Amino acid sequence: MLNQEATTESTPNQEQQVGVLALTDAAAAKFRDLTKGETNPAIGLRVYIISGGCSGYRYGMMVEETANADDRVFETNGVRVYLDEKSVSLVNGSSVDYVDSLMGAGFTVDNPNSVGGCGCGSSFRTAESAGAPSACSH
């Protein structure tokens, strides 16, 4: 089930947007499982976009503890999310899920801004810009 509600946290020189990115219950539960035992209250999930892949853009995710000056920091489904300003327009309205199946397990992104991607699913492109395509490295 997708929790569409997101709350924002104020940071200097930054206007926050509610609902930029949502985490499903499964994604939030997996993140909490991966970070159980962490004592830093600022621990969260950084989601970012980098140029690469055969379609132009690739998703990246990592555990984060501190915000950068250009970050949007908000909470969705009980998880703090860090999102850099350059990635906001590329993931606006997206949801992150965690899937565990016979084909594999991992976080997936359902991005309404994506108009296509490579055959292996590791990169995407948008209508406005396709990034800088490069060889697939999966």
Protein backbone atom coordinates (compact mmCIF):
# COMPACT_ATOMS: atom_id res chain seq x y z
CA MET A 1 0.00 0.00 0.00
CA LEU A 2 1.36 3.42 -0.91
CA ASN A 3 1.39 6.19 1.64
CA GLN A 4 0.91 9.33 -0.45
CA GLU A 5 1.24 11.70 2.49
CA ALA A 6 4.59 13.31 3.08
CA THR A 7 5.55 15.87 5.62
CA THR A 8 8.34 18.36 5.19
CA GLU A 9 11.06 19.64 7.43
CA SER A 10 12.27 23.21 7.15
CA THR A 11 15.82 23.84 6.09
CA PRO A 12 17.42 27.22 5.33
CA ASN A 13 16.94 28.79 1.88
CA GLN A 14 14.73 26.01 0.69
CA GLU A 15 11.08 25.75 -0.23
CA GLN A 16 9.80 22.25 0.50
CA GLN A 17 7.35 20.29 -1.63
CA VAL A 18 4.97 17.75 -0.17
CA GLY A 19 4.55 14.52 -2.12
CA VAL A 20 7.66 14.78 -4.32
CA LEU A 21 8.46 11.13 -3.65
CA ALA A 22 6.58 8.45 -1.71
CA LEU A 23 7.69 5.14 -0.21
CA THR A 24 5.39 2.14 -0.19
CA ASP A 25 4.85 0.23 3.04
CA ALA A 26 7.22 -2.49 1.75
CA ALA A 27 9.99 0.02 0.93
CA ALA A 28 9.64 1.77 4.28
CA ALA A 29 9.69 -1.56 6.15
CA LYS A 30 12.80 -2.73 4.28
CA PHE A 31 14.60 0.55 4.95
CA ARG A 32 13.76 0.32 8.66
CA ASP A 33 15.00 -3.29 8.67
CA LEU A 34 18.27 -2.29 6.97
CA THR A 35 18.86 0.52 9.47
CA LYS A 36 17.67 -1.13 12.68
CA GLY A 37 20.12 -0.47 15.45
CA GLU A 38 21.06 2.94 14.05
CA THR A 39 20.86 5.60 16.75
CA ASN A 40 21.23 8.74 14.63
CA PRO A 41 17.77 10.36 14.44
CA ALA A 42 18.71 11.97 11.11
CA ILE A 43 19.23 8.61 9.37
CA GLY A 44 17.31 8.46 6.12
CA LEU A 45 17.19 7.34 2.52
CA ARG A 46 18.96 9.45 -0.08
CA VAL A 47 17.44 9.11 -3.55
CA TYR A 48 19.35 10.69 -6.42
CA ILE A 49 19.62 10.71 -10.19
CA ILE A 50 22.89 10.52 -12.09
CA SER A 51 23.61 10.68 -15.81
CA GLY A 52 24.34 7.26 -17.22
CA GLY A 53 22.98 4.07 -18.65
CA CYS A 54 21.84 3.60 -22.21
CA SER A 55 18.75 5.80 -21.71
CA GLY A 56 20.45 8.73 -20.00
CA TYR A 57 19.56 8.67 -16.28
CA ARG A 58 20.12 6.16 -13.49
CA TYR A 59 18.63 6.00 -9.99
CA GLY A 60 20.83 5.86 -6.94
CA MET A 61 19.89 5.21 -3.32
CA MET A 62 21.93 5.15 -0.14
CA VAL A 63 21.62 5.52 3.60
CA GLU A 64 22.20 9.17 4.57
CA GLU A 65 22.84 10.91 7.88
CA THR A 66 23.19 14.59 6.96
CA ALA A 67 21.59 17.00 4.53
CA ASN A 68 23.53 18.93 1.91
CA ALA A 69 22.82 22.63 1.37
CA ASP A 70 20.63 21.97 -1.71
CA ASP A 71 18.67 19.02 -0.29
CA ARG A 72 14.94 18.68 0.11
CA VAL A 73 14.40 16.75 3.34
CA PHE A 74 10.99 15.29 4.08
CA GLU A 75 9.35 12.29 5.68
CA THR A 76 7.15 9.77 3.93
CA ASN A 77 5.73 6.61 5.47
CA GLY A 78 7.87 7.15 8.56
CA VAL A 79 11.17 7.38 6.66
CA ARG A 80 13.24 10.54 6.27
CA VAL A 81 14.11 11.12 2.61
CA TYR A 82 16.97 13.25 1.28
CA LEU A 83 16.59 14.48 -2.30
CA ASP A 84 19.01 16.87 -4.02
CA GLU A 85 17.54 19.84 -5.87
CA LYS A 86 18.69 18.60 -9.31
CA SER A 87 16.77 15.33 -8.88
CA VAL A 88 13.46 16.85 -7.73
CA SER A 89 11.96 17.47 -11.18
CA LEU A 90 13.12 14.06 -12.41
CA VAL A 91 11.41 12.10 -9.61
CA ASN A 92 8.47 14.38 -8.78
CA GLY A 93 5.40 12.21 -8.17
CA SER A 94 7.38 8.95 -8.06
CA SER A 95 7.04 6.10 -5.62
CA VAL A 96 9.73 3.76 -4.33
CA ASP A 97 8.77 0.14 -3.64
CA TYR A 98 10.66 -2.90 -2.39
CA VAL A 99 10.03 -6.10 -4.34
CA ASP A 100 11.16 -9.57 -3.28
CA SER A 101 10.36 -12.23 -5.89
CA LEU A 102 11.87 -15.28 -7.57
CA MET A 103 13.44 -12.93 -10.11
CA GLY A 104 15.30 -11.01 -7.40
CA ALA A 105 14.87 -8.47 -4.67
CA GLY A 106 15.44 -4.75 -4.54
CA PHE A 107 14.07 -1.25 -4.50
CA THR A 108 12.16 -0.16 -7.61
CA VAL A 109 10.98 3.28 -8.72
CA ASP A 110 7.63 3.96 -10.39
CA ASN A 111 8.33 7.29 -12.08
CA PRO A 112 5.55 9.11 -13.98
CA ASN A 113 8.21 11.35 -15.59
CA SER A 114 9.90 8.44 -17.35
CA VAL A 115 8.91 8.08 -21.01
CA GLY A 116 11.12 5.09 -21.67
CA GLY A 117 14.10 3.14 -20.55
CA CYS A 118 16.64 0.58 -21.56
CA GLY A 119 15.73 -3.06 -21.99
CA CYS A 120 17.42 -4.14 -18.77
CA GLY A 121 15.52 -1.52 -16.76
CA SER A 122 18.56 0.11 -15.21
CA SER A 123 18.11 3.57 -16.75
CA PHE A 124 15.36 5.90 -17.97
CA ARG A 125 14.70 9.03 -19.99
CA THR A 126 12.20 11.88 -19.68
CA ALA A 127 10.30 13.85 -22.32
CA GLU A 128 12.34 17.00 -21.63
CA SER A 129 15.78 15.47 -21.54
CA ALA A 130 17.37 12.11 -22.03
CA GLY A 131 20.52 12.79 -20.04
CA ALA A 132 23.76 11.60 -21.55
CA PRO A 133 23.37 8.03 -22.82
CA SER A 134 26.30 5.70 -22.25
CA ALA A 135 26.96 1.99 -22.37
CA CYS A 136 24.83 -0.16 -20.07
CA SER A 137 26.95 -1.36 -17.17
CA HIS A 138 24.60 -3.67 -15.27
